[in-house]
Each structure stands twice: as structure tokens, then as C-alpha cells.
C-alpha atoms as a PDB file:
ATOM      1  CA  MET A   1     279.953  86.608  83.004  1.00  0.00           C
ATOM      2  CA  LYS A   2     276.255  87.361  83.616  1.00  0.00           C
ATOM      3  CA  ASN A   3     275.055  87.594  87.244  1.00  0.00           C
ATOM      4  CA  TYR A   4     272.086  85.517  88.211  1.00  0.00           C
ATOM      5  CA  ALA A   5     270.461  83.851  91.159  1.00  0.00           C
ATOM      6  CA  VAL A   6     268.010  81.077  91.727  1.00  0.00           C
ATOM      7  CA  ILE A   7     265.145  82.072  93.958  1.00  0.00           C
ATOM      8  CA  ARG A   8     262.139  80.191  95.370  1.00  0.00           C
ATOM      9  CA  ILE A   9     258.749  82.001  95.527  1.00  0.00           C
ATOM     10  CA  LYS A  10     255.507  80.151  96.617  1.00  0.00           C
ATOM     11  CA  GLY A  11     257.441  76.595  96.561  1.00  0.00           C
ATOM     12  CA  LYS A  12     258.799  76.970  92.945  1.00  0.00           C
ATOM     13  CA  GLN A  13     262.044  77.718  91.878  1.00  0.00           C
ATOM     14  CA  TYR A  14     263.101  80.463  89.112  1.00  0.00           C
ATOM     15  CA  LYS A  15     266.579  81.280  87.604  1.00  0.00           C
ATOM     16  CA  VAL A  16     266.754  85.081  87.313  1.00  0.00           C
ATOM     17  CA  SER A  17     269.037  87.976  86.422  1.00  0.00           C
ATOM     18  CA  GLU A  18     269.071  91.658  86.704  1.00  0.00           C
ATOM     19  CA  GLY A  19     266.731  93.651  84.379  1.00  0.00           C
ATOM     20  CA  GLU A  20     264.434  90.354  83.275  1.00  0.00           C
ATOM     21  CA  GLU A  21     261.013  89.816  83.979  1.00  0.00           C
ATOM     22  CA  VAL A  22     259.620  86.571  85.515  1.00  0.00           C
ATOM     23  CA  LEU A  23     256.074  85.096  85.393  1.00  0.00           C
ATOM     24  CA  VAL A  24     255.169  83.565  88.723  1.00  0.00           C
ATOM     25  CA  GLY A  25     252.189  82.065  90.248  1.00  0.00           C
ATOM     26  CA  LEU A  26     249.484  84.638  91.315  1.00  0.00           C
ATOM     27  CA  LEU A  27     250.552  86.549  94.546  1.00  0.00           C
ATOM     28  CA  ASN A  28     248.327  87.524  97.146  1.00  0.00           C
ATOM     29  CA  SER A  29     250.551  90.426  98.581  1.00  0.00           C
ATOM     30  CA  ASP A  30     252.393  93.293  97.296  1.00  0.00           C
ATOM     31  CA  GLU A  31     255.747  91.951  98.490  1.00  0.00           C
ATOM     32  CA  PRO A  32     256.497  88.380  97.483  1.00  0.00           C
ATOM     33  CA  LEU A  33     258.453  86.252 100.004  1.00  0.00           C
ATOM     34  CA  VAL A  34     261.843  85.669  98.036  1.00  0.00           C
ATOM     35  CA  GLU A  35     264.240  83.012  99.307  1.00  0.00           C
ATOM     36  CA  VAL A  36     267.729  83.106  97.495  1.00  0.00           C
ATOM     37  CA  LEU A  37     268.941  79.538  96.986  1.00  0.00           C
ATOM     38  CA  LEU A  38     272.056  80.399  94.673  1.00  0.00           C
ATOM     39  CA  CYS A  39     273.783  83.391  93.828  1.00  0.00           C
ATOM     40  CA  VAL A  40     276.482  83.910  90.971  1.00  0.00           C
ATOM     41  CA  GLN A  41     278.355  87.069  90.634  1.00  0.00           C
ATOM     42  CA  GLY A  42     281.449  87.559  88.537  1.00  0.00           C
ATOM     43  CA  GLY A  43     282.092  83.970  88.639  1.00  0.00           C
ATOM     44  CA  LYS A  44     281.880  83.548  92.164  1.00  0.00           C
ATOM     45  CA  VAL A  45     279.128  81.061  93.197  1.00  0.00           C
ATOM     46  CA  ASN A  46     277.160  81.186  96.749  1.00  0.00           C
ATOM     47  CA  VAL A  47     275.312  78.235  97.263  1.00  0.00           C
ATOM     48  CA  GLY A  48     272.975  78.146 100.383  1.00  0.00           C
ATOM     49  CA  ARG A  49     272.226  75.519 102.797  1.00  0.00           C
ATOM     50  CA  PRO A  50     269.189  75.792 102.034  1.00  0.00           C
ATOM     51  CA  ILE A  51     269.220  79.936 101.673  1.00  0.00           C
ATOM     52  CA  VAL A  52     272.183  82.069 100.979  1.00  0.00           C
ATOM     53  CA  LYS A  53     272.533  84.311 104.081  1.00  0.00           C
ATOM     54  CA  ASN A  54     272.607  88.218 103.301  1.00  0.00           C
ATOM     55  CA  ALA A  55     271.740  87.719  99.831  1.00  0.00           C
ATOM     56  CA  LYS A  56     268.956  89.631  98.608  1.00  0.00           C
ATOM     57  CA  VAL A  57     267.153  89.884  95.333  1.00  0.00           C
ATOM     58  CA  VAL A  58     264.800  93.054  94.613  1.00  0.00           C
ATOM     59  CA  LEU A  59     261.470  92.435  92.851  1.00  0.00           C
ATOM     60  CA  LYS A  60     259.004  94.991  91.440  1.00  0.00           C
ATOM     61  CA  VAL A  61     255.536  93.922  90.735  1.00  0.00           C
ATOM     62  CA  VAL A  62     254.855  94.883  87.083  1.00  0.00           C
ATOM     63  CA  ASN A  63     251.429  93.264  86.653  1.00  0.00           C
ATOM     64  CA  GLU A  64     249.741  91.943  89.686  1.00  0.00           C
ATOM     65  CA  LYS A  65     247.047  89.798  87.824  1.00  0.00           C
ATOM     66  CA  GLU A  66     247.617  88.455  84.366  1.00  0.00           C
ATOM     67  CA  LYS A  67     246.055  85.341  82.540  1.00  0.00           C
ATOM     68  CA  GLY A  68     248.372  82.881  80.836  1.00  0.00           C
ATOM     69  CA  GLU A  69     247.670  80.788  77.773  1.00  0.00           C
ATOM     70  CA  LYS A  70     244.590  78.984  77.491  1.00  0.00           C
ATOM     71  CA  ILE A  71     244.793  75.148  78.234  1.00  0.00           C
ATOM     72  CA  HIS A  72     242.319  73.019  76.611  1.00  0.00           C
ATOM     73  CA  VAL A  73     241.075  69.768  78.180  1.00  0.00           C
ATOM     74  CA  MET A  74     239.009  67.351  76.286  1.00  0.00           C
ATOM     75  CA  LYS A  75     236.907  64.393  78.058  1.00  0.00           C
ATOM     76  CA  TYR A  76     235.852  61.581  75.747  1.00  0.00           C
ATOM     77  CA  LYS A  77     234.208  58.432  76.271  1.00  0.00           C
ATOM     78  CA  ALA A  78     234.221  55.780  73.414  1.00  0.00           C
ATOM     79  CA  LYS A  79     230.897  54.415  72.018  1.00  0.00           C
ATOM     80  CA  SER A  80     228.723  56.618  74.392  1.00  0.00           C
ATOM     81  CA  ARG A  81     228.698  59.895  72.413  1.00  0.00           C
ATOM     82  CA  TYR A  82     230.109  61.634  75.402  1.00  0.00           C
ATOM     83  CA  ARG A  83     232.573  64.553  74.680  1.00  0.00           C
ATOM     84  CA  LYS A  84     233.258  67.496  76.911  1.00  0.00           C
ATOM     85  CA  LYS A  85     235.657  70.428  76.177  1.00  0.00           C
ATOM     86  CA  ILE A  86     236.850  72.491  79.061  1.00  0.00           C
ATOM     87  CA  GLY A  87     239.293  75.727  78.717  1.00  0.00           C
ATOM     88  CA  PHE A  88     241.193  77.099  81.531  1.00  0.00           C
ATOM     89  CA  ARG A  89     243.571  80.191  81.896  1.00  0.00           C
ATOM     90  CA  ALA A  90     245.788  80.273  85.111  1.00  0.00           C
ATOM     91  CA  LEU A  91     246.120  83.562  86.784  1.00  0.00           C
ATOM     92  CA  SER A  92     249.851  84.892  87.404  1.00  0.00           C
ATOM     93  CA  SER A  93     251.845  87.742  88.410  1.00  0.00           C
ATOM     94  CA  ARG A  94     254.619  89.462  86.598  1.00  0.00           C
ATOM     95  CA  LEU A  95     257.670  90.664  88.263  1.00  0.00           C
ATOM     96  CA  HIS A  96     260.635  92.627  87.235  1.00  0.00           C
ATOM     97  CA  VAL A  97     264.114  91.886  88.856  1.00  0.00           C
ATOM     98  CA  GLU A  98     265.713  95.202  89.596  1.00  0.00           C
ATOM     99  CA  LYS A  99     268.854  94.239  91.817  1.00  0.00           C
ATOM    100  CA  ILE A 100     270.676  91.064  93.080  1.00  0.00           C
ATOM    101  CA  THR A 101     273.087  91.487  96.049  1.00  0.00           C
ATOM    102  CA  VAL A 102     275.340  89.406  98.137  1.00  0.00           C
END
């Protein structure tokens, strides 16, 4: 059975397991504030209320600033020849999950 945890970083929740990379919103600091909400190890489930005590997820910053996919936004008004196209690429950070402990 695979060990995994549900963590909260900057108000968003992510399901992570050891050895994988996760893409989160842009971090301002080197060490992200991580809250462990749920932890599963060897079939044993630890649910926090709201945070699991003594649980820790060790993260390493792989890429501090990374641009995501481009989102195209189109504004259009009928019968008035108004068209406007806007592109947007959100900045994010890539983190590597090194270790999950309870």
C-alpha cells in the first residue's frame, strides 16, 4: 500500500506521496508553510482535527518560479465590432516530496 498525505499550502490542498513532485502557487519564501491534514502509512489512517499532530512532510524547492500553461481570455461584444484577446500565464513553484513522517 502506498503512503501518502494530504497537505495544505497557502490555502489549497494537495495529495502527495514520497518521491513525487507537486506544482503549487508561487511561494514567497524558501520554506513553505505546510499543514498535514491527513496521513496514511501502511494502511493506518491518521486524520487531523484540523491538523495531524507530530506529522511532518519534508519538501524541497525544485524550481522557485515556473510559468504555467497559457490561458486565453476572449472578450467580445456583438454588433459593435469589439473583440479583445488576452493571454495569461500564472507563476507557480515546483516542490519535491522527500519524506513523510508521523
